[in-house]
Amino acid sequence: MHTSASGCKLTEPDVLQDPPTTKGQQKFTKMADPELEEIRARRMAEMQQQMGGGGEQKAEQQARQEELKNTILAGILDQAARSRLNNLKLVKPEKAAMVENMLIQMAQSGQVQGKIGEDHLKTILERVSEQTKPVGKVKFQRRKVFDDDSDDDY
């Protein structure tokens, strides 16, 4: 038996009893129905799969593309050229990606016969460097305060 704040004595069934519900109102509790919990769990799993599954699929597809690219490059570059390209990838990843894409396009269009050596890769890199040079130049124009050659007199 418990005593409420107003001093009334309450019995155990009164304390644990839920408030009555109206006719059209349903009572929802967290663990009310095992079927409801199962549905919630399935829906949560579906949502997680949709959210996380899409990321996994993208990562998996990207890994396959990277593997295919590496296979093609290994087939058209000799060991020294491959090493040079990997070094370039460490220093300038954007430029290396451009060169890799260019080499893959050349291989797919049939422009590459045999393996590309380091010297041929150097010429390709030089061409790419010429294409990606900065266009703008800075020109300094100095103002001449005095036009005479009085500085030579000293």
Protein backbone atom coordinates (compact mmCIF):
# COMPACT_ATOMS: atom_id res chain seq x y z
CA MET A 1 0.00 0.00 0.00
CA HIS A 2 1.29 3.47 -0.98
CA THR A 3 0.43 6.95 0.19
CA SER A 4 -0.06 9.69 -2.40
CA ALA A 5 0.98 13.33 -1.98
CA SER A 6 -2.56 14.22 -0.84
CA GLY A 7 -2.36 11.62 1.90
CA CYS A 8 -4.79 9.15 0.33
CA LYS A 9 -3.97 5.50 0.64
CA LEU A 10 -3.57 3.73 -2.68
CA THR A 11 -3.60 0.04 -3.28
CA GLU A 12 -1.19 -1.73 -5.67
CA PRO A 13 -3.74 -2.13 -8.48
CA ASP A 14 -4.52 1.60 -8.35
CA VAL A 15 -0.86 2.55 -8.73
CA LEU A 16 -0.13 0.30 -11.69
CA GLN A 17 -3.42 0.77 -13.47
CA ASP A 18 -3.30 2.77 -16.72
CA PRO A 19 -5.69 5.69 -17.21
CA PRO A 20 -8.86 4.73 -19.04
CA THR A 21 -9.04 5.35 -22.80
CA THR A 22 -11.95 6.84 -24.69
CA LYS A 23 -13.87 4.82 -27.22
CA GLY A 24 -12.03 5.92 -30.46
CA GLN A 25 -8.63 6.34 -28.86
CA GLN A 26 -6.04 3.57 -29.02
CA LYS A 27 -3.38 3.12 -26.45
CA PHE A 28 0.17 2.91 -27.81
CA THR A 29 3.08 1.79 -25.73
CA LYS A 30 6.62 1.12 -26.78
CA MET A 31 6.38 -2.65 -26.49
CA ALA A 32 2.61 -2.96 -27.01
CA ASP A 33 2.61 -5.48 -29.81
CA PRO A 34 5.35 -7.90 -30.92
CA GLU A 35 4.08 -7.65 -34.50
CA LEU A 36 4.41 -3.89 -34.39
CA GLU A 37 7.98 -4.19 -33.13
CA GLU A 38 8.77 -6.67 -35.91
CA ILE A 39 7.37 -4.27 -38.51
CA ARG A 40 9.37 -1.41 -37.05
CA ALA A 41 12.54 -3.50 -37.09
CA ARG A 42 11.99 -4.54 -40.72
CA ARG A 43 11.28 -0.96 -41.78
CA MET A 44 14.37 0.30 -39.96
CA ALA A 45 16.49 -2.38 -41.65
CA GLU A 46 15.07 -1.41 -45.06
CA MET A 47 15.81 2.26 -44.47
CA GLN A 48 19.36 1.49 -43.34
CA GLN A 49 19.89 -0.72 -46.37
CA GLN A 50 18.63 2.01 -48.70
CA MET A 51 20.77 4.65 -47.05
CA GLY A 52 23.89 2.57 -46.48
CA GLY A 53 23.38 0.19 -49.38
CA GLY A 54 23.56 2.98 -51.95
CA GLY A 55 26.91 4.07 -50.56
CA GLU A 56 28.22 0.54 -50.66
CA GLN A 57 27.09 0.11 -54.26
CA LYS A 58 28.78 3.35 -55.29
CA ALA A 59 31.98 2.39 -53.50
CA GLU A 60 31.89 -1.07 -55.06
CA GLN A 61 31.32 0.35 -58.54
CA GLN A 62 34.11 2.88 -58.05
CA ALA A 63 36.46 0.11 -56.91
CA ARG A 64 35.61 -1.94 -60.03
CA GLN A 65 36.29 1.06 -62.27
CA GLU A 66 39.60 1.69 -60.52
CA GLU A 67 40.54 -1.97 -60.92
CA LEU A 68 39.65 -1.89 -64.63
CA LYS A 69 41.68 1.30 -65.11
CA ASN A 70 44.69 -0.25 -63.37
CA THR A 71 44.38 -3.39 -65.51
CA ILE A 72 44.35 -1.37 -68.72
CA LEU A 73 47.28 0.79 -67.61
CA ALA A 74 49.28 -2.28 -66.57
CA GLY A 75 48.69 -3.70 -70.04
CA ILE A 76 49.89 -0.64 -71.96
CA LEU A 77 52.69 0.72 -69.73
CA ASP A 78 55.99 -0.93 -68.98
CA GLN A 79 57.31 -1.04 -65.41
CA ALA A 80 59.39 2.18 -65.58
CA ALA A 81 56.53 4.18 -67.13
CA ARG A 82 54.12 2.82 -64.55
CA SER A 83 56.48 3.84 -61.78
CA ARG A 84 56.79 7.35 -63.22
CA LEU A 85 53.02 7.68 -63.48
CA ASN A 86 52.59 6.54 -59.86
CA ASN A 87 55.16 9.12 -58.73
CA LEU A 88 53.28 11.78 -60.65
CA LYS A 89 50.05 10.65 -58.97
CA LEU A 90 51.63 11.33 -55.57
CA VAL A 91 52.73 14.84 -56.50
CA LYS A 92 50.00 16.01 -58.87
CA PRO A 93 46.94 13.74 -58.69
CA GLU A 94 44.85 15.86 -61.08
CA LYS A 95 47.51 15.78 -63.78
CA ALA A 96 48.05 12.05 -63.29
CA ALA A 97 44.32 11.43 -63.66
CA MET A 98 44.32 13.41 -66.92
CA VAL A 99 47.25 11.39 -68.26
CA GLU A 100 45.68 8.09 -67.17
CA ASN A 101 42.40 8.95 -68.91
CA MET A 102 44.30 10.04 -72.01
CA LEU A 103 46.27 6.77 -72.08
CA ILE A 104 43.10 4.70 -71.62
CA GLN A 105 41.40 6.56 -74.47
CA MET A 106 44.44 5.99 -76.67
CA ALA A 107 44.41 2.28 -75.84
CA GLN A 108 40.67 1.93 -76.48
CA SER A 109 40.90 3.71 -79.82
CA GLY A 110 43.80 1.51 -80.95
CA GLN A 111 46.47 4.23 -81.01
CA VAL A 112 48.78 2.23 -78.76
CA GLN A 113 50.80 -0.61 -80.25
CA GLY A 114 52.79 -2.55 -77.68
CA LYS A 115 53.80 -1.15 -74.34
CA ILE A 116 54.53 2.51 -73.74
CA GLY A 117 57.99 3.08 -72.34
CA GLU A 118 59.21 5.77 -70.01
CA ASP A 119 60.52 7.98 -72.84
CA HIS A 120 57.18 7.91 -74.68
CA LEU A 121 55.37 8.67 -71.41
CA LYS A 122 57.67 11.67 -70.91
CA THR A 123 56.64 13.07 -74.30
CA ILE A 124 52.98 12.54 -73.42
CA LEU A 125 53.54 14.32 -70.09
CA GLU A 126 55.24 17.21 -71.89
CA ARG A 127 52.25 17.55 -74.24
CA VAL A 128 49.85 17.54 -71.31
CA SER A 129 52.00 20.12 -69.51
CA GLU A 130 51.95 22.40 -72.55
CA GLN A 131 48.17 22.13 -72.74
CA THR A 132 47.71 22.92 -69.06
CA LYS A 133 50.14 25.83 -68.80
CA PRO A 134 48.69 28.94 -67.24
CA VAL A 135 47.53 31.33 -69.95
CA GLY A 136 47.85 34.65 -68.20
CA LYS A 137 51.18 36.38 -67.88
CA VAL A 138 52.11 39.19 -65.58
CA LYS A 139 53.79 42.12 -67.25
CA PHE A 140 55.59 44.70 -65.16
CA GLN A 141 55.63 48.21 -66.50
CA ARG A 142 57.96 50.51 -64.66
CA ARG A 143 57.28 54.19 -64.55
CA LYS A 144 60.10 56.43 -65.51
CA VAL A 145 60.09 59.50 -63.36
CA PHE A 146 62.96 61.23 -65.09
CA ASP A 147 63.66 60.54 -68.70
CA ASP A 148 67.16 61.93 -68.72
CA ASP A 149 70.29 59.93 -68.06
CA SER A 150 71.53 61.93 -65.10
CA ASP A 151 72.18 58.72 -63.17
CA ASP A 152 75.22 58.06 -65.36
CA ASP A 153 76.93 61.19 -64.13
CA TYR A 154 77.80 59.91 -60.69
